[in-house]
Amino acid sequence: MSPRKAAALRGSDDALRDHLVTTAQRLIAEHGAPGLTVRAIARAAGVADGVLYNHFSDKDELLAAAVRSHVDAAHRALGELPTPGKGTVEENLRAYLTAGLALHRAVVPVFAALLSAPAVLTRLAELPGEQTDWRILLSDYLTGEQRLGRLAATADIDAATAVLVGICHDQVLSVLLPGSASVAPEPAAVVATLLAGIAVDQ
């Protein structure tokens, strides 16, 4: 960032704070959180080291804000997801699973980079998200379909949700962990298998 642009941002506290968060978010994605210093963030943002402390109590608070912003952006990128009663349950669940895989690919590597920075994760847990979590949206969708009678009344919605969340975790972690050999099943196959257990008997 040019010194001129950084100087212009200093005229707006909110703009400068957002710029610092965006810069930290980019550095986490590129280099991970461990070893990321205030000086490195300040240099990348084009500001003096002390400027960060005008907006954040310490580096951990800034990194937590950056990760929160990243997660919210990843949720917004999913767009509008299907609602109960519209389309078919099978098509809708494919859409949810596809969205879940995209979300996890975007956020899990960032969280993995923070495993050695528990203080940042603690701060992150204290920050409310701007977007409803995909897992909650999925569970609410399944509950809505069950109430409409389009899923079996005896279906365990929590278990069905956990299955789809687990697929997302498996696919992303298998890429991050060396030596993993997980084969990615097609969303259609996953959904068909799941519905065999929770669909209404015809």
N, C-alpha and C. Protein backbone atom coordinates (compact mmCIF):
# COMPACT_ATOMS: atom_id res chain seq x y z
N MET A 1 0.84 -1.19 0.00
CA MET A 1 0.00 0.00 0.00
C MET A 1 0.88 1.24 0.00
N SER A 2 0.50 2.27 -0.76
CA SER A 2 1.30 3.48 -0.85
C SER A 2 1.17 4.31 0.41
N PRO A 3 2.25 5.03 0.82
CA PRO A 3 2.16 5.92 1.98
C PRO A 3 1.05 6.94 1.84
N ARG A 4 0.80 7.41 0.58
CA ARG A 4 -0.23 8.42 0.36
C ARG A 4 -1.61 7.87 0.71
N LYS A 5 -1.89 6.63 0.27
CA LYS A 5 -3.19 6.04 0.57
C LYS A 5 -3.33 5.77 2.06
N ALA A 6 -2.26 5.30 2.69
CA ALA A 6 -2.30 5.05 4.13
C ALA A 6 -2.58 6.33 4.88
N ALA A 7 -1.96 7.44 4.43
CA ALA A 7 -2.18 8.73 5.09
C ALA A 7 -3.63 9.17 4.93
N ALA A 8 -4.21 8.92 3.77
CA ALA A 8 -5.60 9.29 3.54
C ALA A 8 -6.53 8.51 4.47
N LEU A 9 -6.21 7.23 4.70
CA LEU A 9 -7.05 6.41 5.56
C LEU A 9 -7.01 6.88 7.00
N ARG A 10 -5.91 7.48 7.40
CA ARG A 10 -5.79 7.92 8.78
C ARG A 10 -6.84 8.96 9.13
N GLY A 11 -7.43 9.58 8.12
CA GLY A 11 -8.46 10.57 8.38
C GLY A 11 -9.77 9.96 8.81
N SER A 12 -9.93 8.67 8.66
CA SER A 12 -11.15 7.97 9.04
C SER A 12 -10.79 6.77 9.90
N ASP A 13 -11.18 6.82 11.17
CA ASP A 13 -10.84 5.72 12.08
C ASP A 13 -11.43 4.40 11.61
N ASP A 14 -12.71 4.42 11.17
CA ASP A 14 -13.34 3.19 10.73
C ASP A 14 -12.66 2.63 9.48
N ALA A 15 -12.31 3.50 8.54
CA ALA A 15 -11.66 3.05 7.31
C ALA A 15 -10.29 2.45 7.61
N LEU A 16 -9.55 3.09 8.51
CA LEU A 16 -8.23 2.58 8.84
C LEU A 16 -8.33 1.25 9.59
N ARG A 17 -9.29 1.16 10.50
CA ARG A 17 -9.48 -0.10 11.22
C ARG A 17 -9.81 -1.22 10.25
N ASP A 18 -10.72 -0.96 9.32
CA ASP A 18 -11.10 -1.96 8.32
C ASP A 18 -9.89 -2.34 7.46
N HIS A 19 -9.07 -1.37 7.14
CA HIS A 19 -7.87 -1.63 6.34
C HIS A 19 -6.90 -2.54 7.09
N LEU A 20 -6.73 -2.30 8.38
CA LEU A 20 -5.85 -3.14 9.19
C LEU A 20 -6.38 -4.57 9.27
N VAL A 21 -7.69 -4.70 9.43
CA VAL A 21 -8.30 -6.03 9.49
C VAL A 21 -8.12 -6.76 8.17
N THR A 22 -8.35 -6.07 7.06
CA THR A 22 -8.20 -6.68 5.74
C THR A 22 -6.75 -7.09 5.49
N THR A 23 -5.82 -6.26 5.90
CA THR A 23 -4.40 -6.58 5.73
C THR A 23 -4.02 -7.81 6.54
N ALA A 24 -4.44 -7.85 7.79
CA ALA A 24 -4.14 -9.00 8.64
C ALA A 24 -4.79 -10.26 8.08
N GLN A 25 -6.00 -10.13 7.56
CA GLN A 25 -6.70 -11.27 6.96
C GLN A 25 -5.89 -11.83 5.79
N ARG A 26 -5.38 -10.95 4.95
CA ARG A 26 -4.58 -11.39 3.80
C ARG A 26 -3.29 -12.07 4.24
N LEU A 27 -2.63 -11.52 5.26
CA LEU A 27 -1.37 -12.10 5.73
C LEU A 27 -1.58 -13.47 6.36
N ILE A 28 -2.69 -13.64 7.08
CA ILE A 28 -2.99 -14.95 7.66
C ILE A 28 -3.18 -15.97 6.54
N ALA A 29 -3.92 -15.58 5.50
CA ALA A 29 -4.16 -16.49 4.38
C ALA A 29 -2.87 -16.85 3.66
N GLU A 30 -1.96 -15.90 3.56
CA GLU A 30 -0.72 -16.12 2.81
C GLU A 30 0.36 -16.81 3.63
N HIS A 31 0.46 -16.47 4.91
CA HIS A 31 1.59 -16.94 5.71
C HIS A 31 1.21 -17.66 6.99
N GLY A 32 -0.08 -17.65 7.35
CA GLY A 32 -0.49 -18.24 8.61
C GLY A 32 -0.31 -17.25 9.75
N ALA A 33 -0.91 -17.58 10.91
CA ALA A 33 -0.84 -16.67 12.06
C ALA A 33 0.44 -16.80 12.86
N PRO A 34 1.00 -18.01 13.05
CA PRO A 34 2.22 -18.14 13.85
C PRO A 34 3.35 -17.30 13.27
N GLY A 35 3.98 -16.52 14.12
CA GLY A 35 5.11 -15.71 13.68
C GLY A 35 4.73 -14.39 13.05
N LEU A 36 3.43 -14.17 12.86
CA LEU A 36 2.98 -12.90 12.28
C LEU A 36 3.12 -11.81 13.34
N THR A 37 3.86 -10.77 13.04
CA THR A 37 4.16 -9.73 14.02
C THR A 37 3.39 -8.44 13.74
N VAL A 38 3.33 -7.60 14.77
CA VAL A 38 2.70 -6.29 14.61
C VAL A 38 3.44 -5.51 13.53
N ARG A 39 4.77 -5.60 13.55
CA ARG A 39 5.57 -4.86 12.56
C ARG A 39 5.23 -5.31 11.15
N ALA A 40 5.09 -6.63 10.95
CA ALA A 40 4.78 -7.14 9.61
C ALA A 40 3.42 -6.65 9.14
N ILE A 41 2.44 -6.65 10.04
CA ILE A 41 1.10 -6.18 9.68
C ILE A 41 1.15 -4.69 9.36
N ALA A 42 1.85 -3.93 10.20
CA ALA A 42 1.94 -2.48 9.99
C ALA A 42 2.62 -2.15 8.66
N ARG A 43 3.70 -2.85 8.36
CA ARG A 43 4.41 -2.59 7.10
C ARG A 43 3.52 -2.92 5.91
N ALA A 44 2.82 -4.05 5.98
CA ALA A 44 1.94 -4.43 4.87
C ALA A 44 0.79 -3.44 4.71
N ALA A 45 0.36 -2.84 5.83
CA ALA A 45 -0.73 -1.88 5.80
C ALA A 45 -0.26 -0.48 5.45
N GLY A 46 1.07 -0.27 5.49
CA GLY A 46 1.60 1.05 5.16
C GLY A 46 1.44 2.06 6.27
N VAL A 47 1.45 1.59 7.54
CA VAL A 47 1.30 2.50 8.68
C VAL A 47 2.42 2.23 9.69
N ALA A 48 2.56 3.14 10.64
CA ALA A 48 3.54 2.96 11.71
C ALA A 48 3.06 1.88 12.67
N ASP A 49 4.01 1.20 13.32
CA ASP A 49 3.66 0.10 14.23
C ASP A 49 2.62 0.52 15.27
N GLY A 50 2.82 1.70 15.84
CA GLY A 50 1.95 2.13 16.93
C GLY A 50 0.51 2.39 16.53
N VAL A 51 0.25 2.55 15.24
CA VAL A 51 -1.12 2.83 14.78
C VAL A 51 -2.06 1.69 15.13
N LEU A 52 -1.55 0.47 15.10
CA LEU A 52 -2.40 -0.68 15.40
C LEU A 52 -3.01 -0.57 16.79
N TYR A 53 -2.24 -0.01 17.72
CA TYR A 53 -2.70 0.05 19.10
C TYR A 53 -3.71 1.17 19.33
N ASN A 54 -3.94 1.99 18.31
CA ASN A 54 -5.01 2.97 18.40
C ASN A 54 -6.37 2.33 18.17
N HIS A 55 -6.37 1.12 17.60
CA HIS A 55 -7.62 0.45 17.24
C HIS A 55 -7.80 -0.91 17.90
N PHE A 56 -6.70 -1.52 18.34
CA PHE A 56 -6.75 -2.85 18.95
C PHE A 56 -5.85 -2.88 20.18
N SER A 57 -6.27 -3.64 21.19
CA SER A 57 -5.48 -3.71 22.42
C SER A 57 -4.17 -4.44 22.20
N ASP A 58 -4.17 -5.42 21.28
CA ASP A 58 -2.95 -6.17 20.98
C ASP A 58 -3.11 -6.91 19.65
N LYS A 59 -2.06 -7.61 19.26
CA LYS A 59 -2.07 -8.32 17.98
C LYS A 59 -3.15 -9.39 17.94
N ASP A 60 -3.38 -10.09 19.04
CA ASP A 60 -4.36 -11.16 19.07
C ASP A 60 -5.76 -10.65 18.77
N GLU A 61 -6.10 -9.47 19.28
CA GLU A 61 -7.41 -8.90 19.01
C GLU A 61 -7.56 -8.57 17.53
N LEU A 62 -6.50 -8.06 16.93
CA LEU A 62 -6.53 -7.75 15.49
C LEU A 62 -6.67 -9.02 14.67
N LEU A 63 -5.93 -10.06 14.99
CA LEU A 63 -6.00 -11.30 14.24
C LEU A 63 -7.38 -11.95 14.38
N ALA A 64 -7.95 -11.89 15.58
CA ALA A 64 -9.28 -12.45 15.79
C ALA A 64 -10.30 -11.70 14.94
N ALA A 65 -10.19 -10.38 14.87
CA ALA A 65 -11.10 -9.58 14.05
C ALA A 65 -10.93 -9.93 12.58
N ALA A 66 -9.69 -10.19 12.17
CA ALA A 66 -9.42 -10.54 10.78
C ALA A 66 -10.04 -11.88 10.42
N VAL A 67 -9.92 -12.86 11.31
CA VAL A 67 -10.50 -14.17 11.05
C VAL A 67 -12.03 -14.10 11.05
N ARG A 68 -12.59 -13.33 11.99
CA ARG A 68 -14.05 -13.16 12.02
C ARG A 68 -14.55 -12.56 10.72
N SER A 69 -13.83 -11.57 10.21
CA SER A 69 -14.19 -10.93 8.94
C SER A 69 -14.10 -11.93 7.79
N HIS A 70 -13.08 -12.78 7.82
CA HIS A 70 -12.89 -13.78 6.77
C HIS A 70 -14.04 -14.79 6.78
N VAL A 71 -14.41 -15.25 7.96
CA VAL A 71 -15.49 -16.24 8.07
C VAL A 71 -16.82 -15.63 7.62
N ASP A 72 -17.08 -14.38 8.02
CA ASP A 72 -18.32 -13.72 7.60
C ASP A 72 -18.36 -13.57 6.08
N ALA A 73 -17.22 -13.20 5.49
CA ALA A 73 -17.17 -13.03 4.04
C ALA A 73 -17.41 -14.36 3.33
N ALA A 74 -16.86 -15.44 3.88
CA ALA A 74 -17.06 -16.76 3.29
C ALA A 74 -18.53 -17.17 3.34
N HIS A 75 -19.21 -16.82 4.42
CA HIS A 75 -20.64 -17.12 4.52
C HIS A 75 -21.44 -16.29 3.52
N ARG A 76 -21.10 -15.01 3.38
CA ARG A 76 -21.82 -14.18 2.42
C ARG A 76 -21.66 -14.70 1.00
N ALA A 77 -20.49 -15.25 0.71
CA ALA A 77 -20.21 -15.75 -0.64
C ALA A 77 -21.09 -16.94 -1.01
N LEU A 78 -21.70 -17.59 -0.03
CA LEU A 78 -22.55 -18.75 -0.31
C LEU A 78 -23.84 -18.34 -1.01
N GLY A 79 -24.24 -17.10 -0.85
CA GLY A 79 -25.49 -16.65 -1.44
C GLY A 79 -26.70 -17.20 -0.69
N GLU A 80 -27.85 -17.10 -1.31
CA GLU A 80 -29.09 -17.55 -0.67
C GLU A 80 -29.24 -19.06 -0.84
N LEU A 81 -29.49 -19.74 0.27
CA LEU A 81 -29.65 -21.19 0.25
C LEU A 81 -31.13 -21.56 0.21
N PRO A 82 -31.45 -22.78 -0.24
CA PRO A 82 -32.86 -23.19 -0.37
C PRO A 82 -33.63 -23.12 0.94
N THR A 83 -34.92 -22.90 0.83
CA THR A 83 -35.80 -22.87 2.00
C THR A 83 -36.73 -24.08 1.98
N PRO A 84 -37.20 -24.50 3.15
CA PRO A 84 -38.08 -25.67 3.22
C PRO A 84 -39.32 -25.52 2.35
N GLY A 85 -39.69 -26.62 1.71
CA GLY A 85 -40.93 -26.64 0.93
C GLY A 85 -40.77 -26.26 -0.52
N LYS A 86 -39.62 -25.75 -0.92
CA LYS A 86 -39.40 -25.35 -2.31
C LYS A 86 -38.44 -26.32 -2.98
N GLY A 87 -38.68 -26.60 -4.27
CA GLY A 87 -37.83 -27.55 -4.97
C GLY A 87 -37.98 -28.94 -4.37
N THR A 88 -36.98 -29.78 -4.59
CA THR A 88 -36.99 -31.11 -3.97
C THR A 88 -35.98 -31.14 -2.85
N VAL A 89 -36.22 -32.00 -1.88
CA VAL A 89 -35.29 -32.12 -0.76
C VAL A 89 -33.92 -32.55 -1.26
N GLU A 90 -33.90 -33.46 -2.23
CA GLU A 90 -32.62 -33.95 -2.74
C GLU A 90 -31.82 -32.82 -3.40
N GLU A 91 -32.47 -32.04 -4.24
CA GLU A 91 -31.78 -30.93 -4.90
C GLU A 91 -31.30 -29.90 -3.87
N ASN A 92 -32.13 -29.64 -2.88
CA ASN A 92 -31.78 -28.65 -1.87
C ASN A 92 -30.60 -29.09 -1.02
N LEU A 93 -30.58 -30.36 -0.66
CA LEU A 93 -29.46 -30.86 0.14
C LEU A 93 -28.16 -30.87 -0.65
N ARG A 94 -28.26 -31.10 -1.95
CA ARG A 94 -27.05 -30.99 -2.78
C ARG A 94 -26.51 -29.57 -2.73
N ALA A 95 -27.43 -28.60 -2.78
CA ALA A 95 -27.02 -27.19 -2.73
C ALA A 95 -26.37 -26.87 -1.39
N TYR A 96 -26.95 -27.38 -0.31
CA TYR A 96 -26.37 -27.14 1.02
C TYR A 96 -24.99 -27.78 1.14
N LEU A 97 -24.86 -29.00 0.64
CA LEU A 97 -23.57 -29.67 0.74
C LEU A 97 -22.51 -28.98 -0.11
N THR A 98 -22.88 -28.57 -1.31
CA THR A 98 -21.94 -27.85 -2.17
C THR A 98 -21.49 -26.56 -1.49
N ALA A 99 -22.45 -25.85 -0.87
CA ALA A 99 -22.11 -24.61 -0.16
C ALA A 99 -21.22 -24.91 1.04
N GLY A 100 -21.54 -25.97 1.75
CA GLY A 100 -20.73 -26.33 2.92
C GLY A 100 -19.30 -26.66 2.56
N LEU A 101 -19.12 -27.37 1.46
CA LEU A 101 -17.76 -27.70 1.02
C LEU A 101 -16.99 -26.43 0.66
N ALA A 102 -17.65 -25.51 -0.03
CA ALA A 102 -16.99 -24.25 -0.40
C ALA A 102 -16.61 -23.46 0.85
N LEU A 103 -17.53 -23.41 1.81
CA LEU A 103 -17.26 -22.68 3.06
C LEU A 103 -16.08 -23.27 3.80
N HIS A 104 -16.07 -24.58 3.95
CA HIS A 104 -15.00 -25.23 4.71
C HIS A 104 -13.65 -25.09 4.00
N ARG A 105 -13.64 -25.13 2.68
CA ARG A 105 -12.39 -24.92 1.95
C ARG A 105 -11.84 -23.52 2.21
N ALA A 106 -12.74 -22.57 2.44
CA ALA A 106 -12.32 -21.19 2.65
C ALA A 106 -11.85 -20.94 4.08
N VAL A 107 -12.47 -21.60 5.07
CA VAL A 107 -12.17 -21.23 6.46
C VAL A 107 -11.31 -22.23 7.23
N VAL A 108 -11.41 -23.52 6.91
CA VAL A 108 -10.67 -24.50 7.70
C VAL A 108 -9.15 -24.29 7.64
N PRO A 109 -8.56 -23.99 6.47
CA PRO A 109 -7.11 -23.75 6.46
C PRO A 109 -6.70 -22.60 7.37
N VAL A 110 -7.54 -21.58 7.48
CA VAL A 110 -7.24 -20.44 8.36
C VAL A 110 -7.26 -20.88 9.82
N PHE A 111 -8.27 -21.67 10.19
CA PHE A 111 -8.34 -22.16 11.56
C PHE A 111 -7.18 -23.11 11.86
N ALA A 112 -6.80 -23.91 10.89
CA ALA A 112 -5.67 -24.81 11.07
C ALA A 112 -4.40 -24.03 11.36
N ALA A 113 -4.26 -22.88 10.71
CA ALA A 113 -3.08 -22.04 10.92
C ALA A 113 -3.07 -21.42 12.30
N LEU A 114 -4.23 -21.41 12.98
CA LEU A 114 -4.32 -20.79 14.30
C LEU A 114 -4.24 -21.79 15.45
N LEU A 115 -4.03 -23.05 15.14
CA LEU A 115 -3.98 -24.06 16.20
C LEU A 115 -2.86 -23.79 17.20
N SER A 116 -1.80 -23.16 16.73
CA SER A 116 -0.69 -22.83 17.64
C SER A 116 -0.85 -21.43 18.22
N ALA A 117 -2.02 -20.82 18.02
CA ALA A 117 -2.28 -19.48 18.57
C ALA A 117 -3.61 -19.51 19.32
N PRO A 118 -3.68 -20.25 20.45
CA PRO A 118 -4.95 -20.40 21.17
C PRO A 118 -5.52 -19.08 21.68
N ALA A 119 -4.68 -18.09 21.95
CA ALA A 119 -5.18 -16.81 22.43
C ALA A 119 -6.06 -16.13 21.37
N VAL A 120 -5.67 -16.30 20.11
CA VAL A 120 -6.46 -15.72 19.02
C VAL A 120 -7.81 -16.43 18.92
N LEU A 121 -7.79 -17.75 19.05
CA LEU A 121 -9.04 -18.51 18.98
C LEU A 121 -9.97 -18.15 20.13
N THR A 122 -9.40 -17.88 21.29
CA THR A 122 -10.22 -17.47 22.44
C THR A 122 -10.88 -16.13 22.16
N ARG A 123 -10.11 -15.18 21.62
CA ARG A 123 -10.68 -13.88 21.27
C ARG A 123 -11.74 -14.03 20.18
N LEU A 124 -11.49 -14.91 19.24
CA LEU A 124 -12.43 -15.12 18.14
C LEU A 124 -13.78 -15.60 18.66
N ALA A 125 -13.74 -16.51 19.63
CA ALA A 125 -14.97 -17.06 20.19
C ALA A 125 -15.82 -15.99 20.86
N GLU A 126 -15.21 -14.88 21.23
CA GLU A 126 -15.92 -13.80 21.90
C GLU A 126 -16.57 -12.83 20.91
N LEU A 127 -16.23 -12.96 19.62
CA LEU A 127 -16.75 -12.03 18.61
C LEU A 127 -17.99 -12.59 17.93
N PRO A 128 -19.11 -11.88 17.98
CA PRO A 128 -20.32 -12.37 17.30
C PRO A 128 -20.16 -12.28 15.79
N GLY A 129 -20.68 -13.27 15.10
CA GLY A 129 -20.61 -13.26 13.65
C GLY A 129 -21.73 -12.43 13.05
N GLU A 130 -21.49 -11.88 11.87
CA GLU A 130 -22.51 -11.10 11.18
C GLU A 130 -23.46 -12.00 10.39
N GLN A 131 -23.02 -13.22 10.12
CA GLN A 131 -23.80 -14.15 9.30
C GLN A 131 -24.18 -15.38 10.12
N THR A 132 -25.37 -15.94 9.84
CA THR A 132 -25.77 -17.18 10.50
C THR A 132 -24.89 -18.32 9.99
N ASP A 133 -24.37 -19.12 10.91
CA ASP A 133 -23.48 -20.20 10.53
C ASP A 133 -24.18 -21.20 9.61
N TRP A 134 -23.44 -21.70 8.62
CA TRP A 134 -23.99 -22.64 7.64
C TRP A 134 -24.58 -23.87 8.32
N ARG A 135 -23.94 -24.35 9.37
CA ARG A 135 -24.44 -25.54 10.05
C ARG A 135 -25.83 -25.28 10.64
N ILE A 136 -26.02 -24.11 11.20
CA ILE A 136 -27.33 -23.75 11.76
C ILE A 136 -28.37 -23.65 10.65
N LEU A 137 -27.98 -23.04 9.53
CA LEU A 137 -28.90 -22.94 8.38
C LEU A 137 -29.30 -24.33 7.90
N LEU A 138 -28.34 -25.24 7.82
CA LEU A 138 -28.61 -26.61 7.38
C LEU A 138 -29.57 -27.30 8.34
N SER A 139 -29.29 -27.21 9.64
CA SER A 139 -30.15 -27.85 10.63
C SER A 139 -31.56 -27.27 10.60
N ASP A 140 -31.65 -25.95 10.47
CA ASP A 140 -32.97 -25.31 10.40
C ASP A 140 -33.73 -25.75 9.14
N TYR A 141 -32.99 -25.90 8.04
CA TYR A 141 -33.63 -26.35 6.80
C TYR A 141 -34.21 -27.76 6.98
N LEU A 142 -33.41 -28.67 7.51
CA LEU A 142 -33.87 -30.05 7.70
C LEU A 142 -35.06 -30.10 8.66
N THR A 143 -35.00 -29.30 9.72
CA THR A 143 -36.11 -29.25 10.67
C THR A 143 -37.38 -28.75 9.99
N GLY A 144 -37.23 -27.74 9.14
CA GLY A 144 -38.38 -27.21 8.42
C GLY A 144 -39.00 -28.23 7.49
N GLU A 145 -38.15 -28.99 6.79
CA GLU A 145 -38.67 -30.03 5.89
C GLU A 145 -39.36 -31.14 6.68
N GLN A 146 -38.84 -31.44 7.84
CA GLN A 146 -39.46 -32.48 8.67
C GLN A 146 -40.85 -32.02 9.14
N ARG A 147 -40.96 -30.77 9.50
CA ARG A 147 -42.26 -30.23 9.95
C ARG A 147 -43.28 -30.22 8.82
N LEU A 148 -42.78 -30.06 7.59
CA LEU A 148 -43.67 -30.07 6.42
C LEU A 148 -44.02 -31.48 5.97
N GLY A 149 -43.41 -32.47 6.61
CA GLY A 149 -43.69 -33.86 6.25
C GLY A 149 -42.89 -34.35 5.06
N ARG A 150 -41.88 -33.60 4.64
CA ARG A 150 -41.07 -34.03 3.50
C ARG A 150 -39.85 -34.83 3.94
N LEU A 151 -39.65 -34.95 5.25
CA LEU A 151 -38.67 -35.88 5.83
C LEU A 151 -39.39 -36.69 6.90
N ALA A 152 -38.88 -37.87 7.16
CA ALA A 152 -39.53 -38.76 8.12
C ALA A 152 -39.62 -38.10 9.50
N ALA A 153 -40.75 -38.29 10.15
CA ALA A 153 -40.96 -37.71 11.47
C ALA A 153 -39.98 -38.26 12.49
N THR A 154 -39.50 -39.48 12.24
CA THR A 154 -38.57 -40.12 13.19
C THR A 154 -37.10 -39.81 12.86
N ALA A 155 -36.86 -39.05 11.80
CA ALA A 155 -35.48 -38.76 11.40
C ALA A 155 -34.75 -37.97 12.47
N ASP A 156 -33.50 -38.33 12.72
CA ASP A 156 -32.66 -37.62 13.68
C ASP A 156 -31.96 -36.48 12.94
N ILE A 157 -32.49 -35.27 13.07
CA ILE A 157 -31.97 -34.12 12.33
C ILE A 157 -30.54 -33.78 12.76
N ASP A 158 -30.26 -33.91 14.04
CA ASP A 158 -28.90 -33.62 14.52
C ASP A 158 -27.89 -34.58 13.88
N ALA A 159 -28.26 -35.86 13.78
CA ALA A 159 -27.36 -36.84 13.18
C ALA A 159 -27.18 -36.57 11.69
N ALA A 160 -28.27 -36.23 11.01
CA ALA A 160 -28.19 -35.93 9.58
C ALA A 160 -27.31 -34.71 9.33
N THR A 161 -27.46 -33.70 10.17
CA THR A 161 -26.61 -32.50 10.05
C THR A 161 -25.15 -32.86 10.26
N ALA A 162 -24.89 -33.67 11.28
CA ALA A 162 -23.51 -34.05 11.60
C ALA A 162 -22.87 -34.83 10.45
N VAL A 163 -23.66 -35.64 9.76
CA VAL A 163 -23.12 -36.41 8.63
C VAL A 163 -22.62 -35.47 7.54
N LEU A 164 -23.44 -34.47 7.18
CA LEU A 164 -23.05 -33.55 6.12
C LEU A 164 -21.89 -32.65 6.55
N VAL A 165 -21.89 -32.22 7.80
CA VAL A 165 -20.77 -31.42 8.31
C VAL A 165 -19.50 -32.26 8.31
N GLY A 166 -19.62 -33.51 8.70
CA GLY A 166 -18.46 -34.40 8.73
C GLY A 166 -17.86 -34.62 7.35
N ILE A 167 -18.70 -34.73 6.34
CA ILE A 167 -18.21 -34.86 4.96
C ILE A 167 -17.36 -33.65 4.59
N CYS A 168 -17.84 -32.46 4.96
CA CYS A 168 -17.10 -31.23 4.65
C CYS A 168 -15.75 -31.21 5.35
N HIS A 169 -15.75 -31.56 6.63
CA HIS A 169 -14.49 -31.60 7.38
C HIS A 169 -13.52 -32.60 6.77
N ASP A 170 -14.04 -33.77 6.43
CA ASP A 170 -13.19 -34.83 5.88
C ASP A 170 -12.51 -34.39 4.59
N GLN A 171 -13.28 -33.77 3.71
CA GLN A 171 -12.74 -33.39 2.41
C GLN A 171 -11.66 -32.31 2.53
N VAL A 172 -11.85 -31.37 3.44
CA VAL A 172 -10.88 -30.29 3.58
C VAL A 172 -9.66 -30.75 4.36
N LEU A 173 -9.87 -31.46 5.44
CA LEU A 173 -8.74 -31.92 6.25
C LEU A 173 -7.87 -32.92 5.51
N SER A 174 -8.48 -33.70 4.62
CA SER A 174 -7.70 -34.67 3.86
C SER A 174 -6.71 -33.98 2.94
N VAL A 175 -7.01 -32.76 2.55
CA VAL A 175 -6.09 -31.98 1.72
C VAL A 175 -4.99 -31.37 2.58
N LEU A 176 -5.36 -30.94 3.79
CA LEU A 176 -4.40 -30.27 4.66
C LEU A 176 -3.41 -31.23 5.31
N LEU A 177 -3.88 -32.44 5.62
CA LEU A 177 -3.04 -33.39 6.34
C LEU A 177 -2.23 -34.23 5.37
N PRO A 178 -0.91 -34.25 5.53
CA PRO A 178 -0.07 -35.05 4.63
C PRO A 178 -0.36 -36.55 4.78
N GLY A 179 -0.34 -37.22 3.67
CA GLY A 179 -0.54 -38.67 3.69
C GLY A 179 -1.98 -39.11 3.68
N SER A 180 -2.92 -38.16 3.73
CA SER A 180 -4.34 -38.52 3.70
C SER A 180 -4.72 -38.93 2.28
N ALA A 181 -5.59 -39.91 2.18
CA ALA A 181 -5.98 -40.40 0.86
C ALA A 181 -7.49 -40.51 0.75
N SER A 182 -8.19 -39.54 1.29
CA SER A 182 -9.65 -39.55 1.24
C SER A 182 -10.13 -39.31 -0.19
N VAL A 183 -11.09 -40.11 -0.61
CA VAL A 183 -11.68 -39.95 -1.94
C VAL A 183 -12.95 -39.13 -1.79
N ALA A 184 -13.05 -38.04 -2.54
CA ALA A 184 -14.20 -37.15 -2.41
C ALA A 184 -15.42 -37.74 -3.12
N PRO A 185 -16.47 -38.09 -2.37
CA PRO A 185 -17.69 -38.58 -3.02
C PRO A 185 -18.45 -37.43 -3.66
N GLU A 186 -19.21 -37.72 -4.68
CA GLU A 186 -20.03 -36.71 -5.32
C GLU A 186 -21.16 -36.29 -4.36
N PRO A 187 -21.48 -34.98 -4.30
CA PRO A 187 -22.59 -34.55 -3.44
C PRO A 187 -23.87 -35.33 -3.68
N ALA A 188 -24.13 -35.66 -4.94
CA ALA A 188 -25.35 -36.40 -5.26
C ALA A 188 -25.37 -37.76 -4.57
N ALA A 189 -24.21 -38.43 -4.54
CA ALA A 189 -24.12 -39.75 -3.90
C ALA A 189 -24.29 -39.63 -2.40
N VAL A 190 -23.69 -38.60 -1.81
CA VAL A 190 -23.81 -38.39 -0.37
C VAL A 190 -25.26 -38.15 0.01
N VAL A 191 -25.92 -37.27 -0.73
CA VAL A 191 -27.31 -36.93 -0.43
C VAL A 191 -28.22 -38.13 -0.62
N ALA A 192 -28.01 -38.88 -1.67
CA ALA A 192 -28.85 -40.06 -1.92
C ALA A 192 -28.71 -41.07 -0.79
N THR A 193 -27.48 -41.25 -0.32
CA THR A 193 -27.24 -42.18 0.79
C THR A 193 -27.89 -41.69 2.07
N LEU A 194 -27.77 -40.38 2.33
CA LEU A 194 -28.37 -39.81 3.52
C LEU A 194 -29.89 -39.93 3.48
N LEU A 195 -30.48 -39.60 2.33
CA LEU A 195 -31.94 -39.66 2.22
C LEU A 195 -32.49 -41.08 2.34
N ALA A 196 -31.67 -42.05 2.07
CA ALA A 196 -32.12 -43.44 2.23
C ALA A 196 -32.47 -43.71 3.69
N GLY A 197 -31.88 -42.92 4.59
CA GLY A 197 -32.15 -43.13 6.00
C GLY A 197 -33.19 -42.19 6.59
N ILE A 198 -33.40 -41.00 5.97
CA ILE A 198 -34.30 -40.03 6.60
C ILE A 198 -35.49 -39.61 5.74
N ALA A 199 -35.54 -40.11 4.52
CA ALA A 199 -36.65 -39.71 3.65
C ALA A 199 -37.96 -40.37 4.10
N VAL A 200 -39.05 -39.78 3.69
CA VAL A 200 -40.36 -40.35 4.00
C VAL A 200 -40.54 -41.63 3.19
N ASP A 201 -41.05 -42.67 3.83
CA ASP A 201 -41.31 -43.92 3.11
C ASP A 201 -42.40 -43.70 2.08
N GLN A 202 -42.14 -44.16 0.86
CA GLN A 202 -43.11 -43.98 -0.23
C GLN A 202 -44.05 -45.20 -0.29
